[in-house]
Amino acid sequence: MKSGVILAGTDQVAVDVVAIGILRSLGTTEAVSRGSVWQLEQIRRAVELGLGASHADQIEIVTANAASQAIADQIRPLIV
């Protein structure tokens, strides 16, 4: 399934977290879909290294139109 989404950002962790949210919204492996995004090994390690956001409240999803905003609204609960 294609997401039809392009991600860009200056925060490496935020981009990865949102990408995981997209994967979760489309259906993914149990390993990726289980638990908090913030407890996934790669995200946890990136946060420990100070590479970017450490909580969903620090991530701003900027959209270009209503359709994009609908996708962002769908993803937001999946990245907490």
N, C-alpha and C. Protein backbone atom coordinates (compact mmCIF):
# COMPACT_ATOMS: atom_id res chain seq x y z
N MET A 1 0.85 -1.18 0.00
CA MET A 1 0.00 0.00 0.00
C MET A 1 0.89 1.24 0.00
N LYS A 2 0.57 2.21 -0.80
CA LYS A 2 1.32 3.46 -0.87
C LYS A 2 0.72 4.48 0.08
N SER A 3 1.60 5.23 0.75
CA SER A 3 1.12 6.24 1.70
C SER A 3 0.75 7.54 1.00
N GLY A 4 1.43 7.86 -0.10
CA GLY A 4 1.19 9.12 -0.78
C GLY A 4 1.66 10.32 0.02
N VAL A 5 2.63 10.08 0.91
CA VAL A 5 3.11 11.13 1.81
C VAL A 5 4.59 11.36 1.57
N ILE A 6 5.00 12.62 1.63
CA ILE A 6 6.41 12.98 1.59
C ILE A 6 6.73 13.63 2.93
N LEU A 7 7.79 13.15 3.58
CA LEU A 7 8.22 13.72 4.86
C LEU A 7 9.50 14.50 4.67
N ALA A 8 9.59 15.60 5.35
CA ALA A 8 10.82 16.40 5.36
C ALA A 8 10.91 17.06 6.72
N GLY A 9 12.10 17.21 7.20
CA GLY A 9 12.26 17.88 8.49
C GLY A 9 13.72 18.04 8.85
N THR A 10 13.95 18.83 9.86
CA THR A 10 15.31 19.06 10.34
C THR A 10 15.62 18.24 11.58
N ASP A 11 14.63 17.60 12.14
CA ASP A 11 14.79 16.78 13.34
C ASP A 11 14.71 15.31 12.94
N GLN A 12 15.85 14.62 13.00
CA GLN A 12 15.93 13.23 12.55
C GLN A 12 14.98 12.32 13.31
N VAL A 13 14.86 12.52 14.60
CA VAL A 13 13.99 11.68 15.41
C VAL A 13 12.54 11.94 15.06
N ALA A 14 12.16 13.19 14.93
CA ALA A 14 10.77 13.53 14.60
C ALA A 14 10.37 12.93 13.26
N VAL A 15 11.23 12.99 12.27
CA VAL A 15 10.92 12.42 10.96
C VAL A 15 10.73 10.91 11.08
N ASP A 16 11.61 10.24 11.82
CA ASP A 16 11.49 8.80 12.00
C ASP A 16 10.21 8.44 12.76
N VAL A 17 9.89 9.19 13.79
CA VAL A 17 8.70 8.91 14.59
C VAL A 17 7.44 9.08 13.74
N VAL A 18 7.38 10.14 12.96
CA VAL A 18 6.21 10.35 12.10
C VAL A 18 6.15 9.24 11.04
N ALA A 19 7.28 8.84 10.51
CA ALA A 19 7.31 7.74 9.53
C ALA A 19 6.76 6.46 10.15
N ILE A 20 7.12 6.19 11.39
CA ILE A 20 6.59 5.02 12.09
C ILE A 20 5.09 5.16 12.28
N GLY A 21 4.64 6.37 12.59
CA GLY A 21 3.20 6.61 12.69
C GLY A 21 2.48 6.29 11.39
N ILE A 22 3.10 6.66 10.27
CA ILE A 22 2.51 6.36 8.96
C ILE A 22 2.46 4.85 8.75
N LEU A 23 3.57 4.17 9.05
CA LEU A 23 3.58 2.71 8.92
C LEU A 23 2.48 2.07 9.77
N ARG A 24 2.33 2.56 10.98
CA ARG A 24 1.30 2.02 11.87
C ARG A 24 -0.10 2.27 11.31
N SER A 25 -0.31 3.42 10.69
CA SER A 25 -1.63 3.72 10.15
C SER A 25 -1.96 2.83 8.95
N LEU A 26 -0.94 2.38 8.25
CA LEU A 26 -1.14 1.54 7.07
C LEU A 26 -1.13 0.06 7.38
N GLY A 27 -0.61 -0.29 8.56
CA GLY A 27 -0.45 -1.69 8.92
C GLY A 27 1.00 -2.09 8.71
N THR A 28 1.60 -2.63 9.73
CA THR A 28 3.02 -2.98 9.68
C THR A 28 3.27 -4.23 10.51
N THR A 29 4.52 -4.54 10.72
CA THR A 29 4.86 -5.73 11.51
C THR A 29 4.50 -5.53 12.97
N GLU A 30 4.36 -6.65 13.67
CA GLU A 30 4.04 -6.58 15.10
C GLU A 30 5.13 -5.83 15.86
N ALA A 31 6.38 -6.04 15.50
CA ALA A 31 7.49 -5.38 16.19
C ALA A 31 7.39 -3.86 16.10
N VAL A 32 6.95 -3.35 14.98
CA VAL A 32 6.84 -1.90 14.78
C VAL A 32 5.54 -1.36 15.37
N SER A 33 4.50 -2.16 15.38
CA SER A 33 3.20 -1.67 15.82
C SER A 33 2.96 -1.81 17.32
N ARG A 34 3.80 -2.53 18.01
CA ARG A 34 3.59 -2.83 19.42
C ARG A 34 4.17 -1.72 20.32
N GLY A 35 3.39 -1.28 21.30
CA GLY A 35 3.87 -0.35 22.31
C GLY A 35 4.06 1.07 21.80
N SER A 36 4.68 1.86 22.64
CA SER A 36 4.95 3.26 22.32
C SER A 36 6.07 3.37 21.29
N VAL A 37 5.90 4.28 20.34
CA VAL A 37 6.97 4.57 19.37
C VAL A 37 8.26 4.91 20.11
N TRP A 38 8.12 5.60 21.22
CA TRP A 38 9.28 6.09 21.96
C TRP A 38 10.04 4.99 22.67
N GLN A 39 9.48 3.79 22.72
CA GLN A 39 10.17 2.65 23.32
C GLN A 39 10.83 1.74 22.30
N LEU A 40 10.65 2.03 21.02
CA LEU A 40 11.36 1.27 19.99
C LEU A 40 12.86 1.52 20.15
N GLU A 41 13.64 0.47 20.00
CA GLU A 41 15.08 0.53 20.30
C GLU A 41 15.79 1.68 19.58
N GLN A 42 15.55 1.83 18.29
CA GLN A 42 16.26 2.86 17.51
C GLN A 42 15.86 4.26 17.96
N ILE A 43 14.58 4.46 18.23
CA ILE A 43 14.11 5.78 18.67
C ILE A 43 14.66 6.09 20.05
N ARG A 44 14.56 5.11 20.95
CA ARG A 44 15.08 5.30 22.31
C ARG A 44 16.57 5.68 22.28
N ARG A 45 17.35 4.99 21.47
CA ARG A 45 18.78 5.27 21.38
C ARG A 45 19.04 6.65 20.77
N ALA A 46 18.30 7.02 19.76
CA ALA A 46 18.46 8.35 19.15
C ALA A 46 18.15 9.44 20.16
N VAL A 47 17.13 9.24 20.98
CA VAL A 47 16.80 10.22 22.02
C VAL A 47 17.93 10.29 23.04
N GLU A 48 18.46 9.13 23.45
CA GLU A 48 19.59 9.10 24.39
C GLU A 48 20.78 9.89 23.86
N LEU A 49 21.01 9.82 22.55
CA LEU A 49 22.13 10.52 21.92
C LEU A 49 21.83 12.00 21.68
N GLY A 50 20.59 12.42 21.95
CA GLY A 50 20.22 13.82 21.77
C GLY A 50 20.07 14.23 20.32
N LEU A 51 19.64 13.30 19.48
CA LEU A 51 19.55 13.59 18.05
C LEU A 51 18.29 14.32 17.63
N GLY A 52 17.35 14.48 18.57
CA GLY A 52 16.12 15.18 18.21
C GLY A 52 15.08 15.10 19.30
N ALA A 53 13.84 15.21 18.87
CA ALA A 53 12.70 15.24 19.79
C ALA A 53 12.74 14.05 20.74
N SER A 54 12.22 14.27 21.95
CA SER A 54 12.16 13.19 22.92
C SER A 54 10.73 12.90 23.36
N HIS A 55 9.78 13.60 22.76
CA HIS A 55 8.37 13.41 23.11
C HIS A 55 7.50 13.93 21.96
N ALA A 56 6.34 13.35 21.81
CA ALA A 56 5.43 13.73 20.72
C ALA A 56 5.05 15.21 20.76
N ASP A 57 4.97 15.78 21.96
CA ASP A 57 4.62 17.20 22.08
C ASP A 57 5.64 18.13 21.44
N GLN A 58 6.84 17.61 21.17
CA GLN A 58 7.89 18.41 20.55
C GLN A 58 7.87 18.33 19.03
N ILE A 59 6.92 17.57 18.49
CA ILE A 59 6.85 17.38 17.05
C ILE A 59 5.68 18.17 16.47
N GLU A 60 6.00 19.01 15.51
CA GLU A 60 4.98 19.78 14.79
C GLU A 60 4.85 19.18 13.40
N ILE A 61 3.65 18.79 13.05
CA ILE A 61 3.39 18.26 11.71
C ILE A 61 2.73 19.37 10.91
N VAL A 62 3.47 19.90 9.94
CA VAL A 62 2.99 21.00 9.11
C VAL A 62 2.44 20.41 7.82
N THR A 63 1.24 20.84 7.45
CA THR A 63 0.60 20.30 6.26
C THR A 63 0.27 21.41 5.27
N ALA A 64 0.06 21.00 4.02
CA ALA A 64 -0.19 21.98 2.96
C ALA A 64 -1.67 22.20 2.67
N ASN A 65 -2.50 21.22 3.06
CA ASN A 65 -3.91 21.33 2.71
C ASN A 65 -4.75 20.46 3.64
N ALA A 66 -6.05 20.47 3.42
CA ALA A 66 -6.97 19.73 4.28
C ALA A 66 -6.74 18.22 4.22
N ALA A 67 -6.44 17.70 3.04
CA ALA A 67 -6.19 16.26 2.90
C ALA A 67 -4.96 15.86 3.71
N SER A 68 -3.91 16.67 3.63
CA SER A 68 -2.70 16.40 4.40
C SER A 68 -2.96 16.51 5.89
N GLN A 69 -3.78 17.47 6.27
CA GLN A 69 -4.12 17.63 7.69
C GLN A 69 -4.88 16.42 8.21
N ALA A 70 -5.72 15.84 7.38
CA ALA A 70 -6.47 14.63 7.77
C ALA A 70 -5.51 13.48 8.06
N ILE A 71 -4.48 13.35 7.25
CA ILE A 71 -3.47 12.31 7.47
C ILE A 71 -2.71 12.60 8.76
N ALA A 72 -2.33 13.85 8.96
CA ALA A 72 -1.61 14.23 10.18
C ALA A 72 -2.47 13.94 11.42
N ASP A 73 -3.74 14.23 11.34
CA ASP A 73 -4.65 13.96 12.46
C ASP A 73 -4.76 12.48 12.76
N GLN A 74 -4.64 11.65 11.73
CA GLN A 74 -4.68 10.21 11.88
C GLN A 74 -3.39 9.70 12.52
N ILE A 75 -2.28 10.31 12.19
CA ILE A 75 -0.97 9.86 12.66
C ILE A 75 -0.70 10.31 14.09
N ARG A 76 -1.12 11.50 14.45
CA ARG A 76 -0.79 12.07 15.76
C ARG A 76 -1.03 11.11 16.93
N PRO A 77 -2.18 10.44 17.04
CA PRO A 77 -2.38 9.53 18.17
C PRO A 77 -1.47 8.30 18.15
N LEU A 78 -0.89 8.02 17.00
CA LEU A 78 -0.04 6.83 16.87
C LEU A 78 1.40 7.09 17.28
N ILE A 79 1.76 8.34 17.58
CA ILE A 79 3.15 8.66 17.92
C ILE A 79 3.33 9.10 19.37
N VAL A 80 2.34 8.89 20.17
CA VAL A 80 2.46 9.26 21.60
C VAL A 80 3.12 8.16 22.39
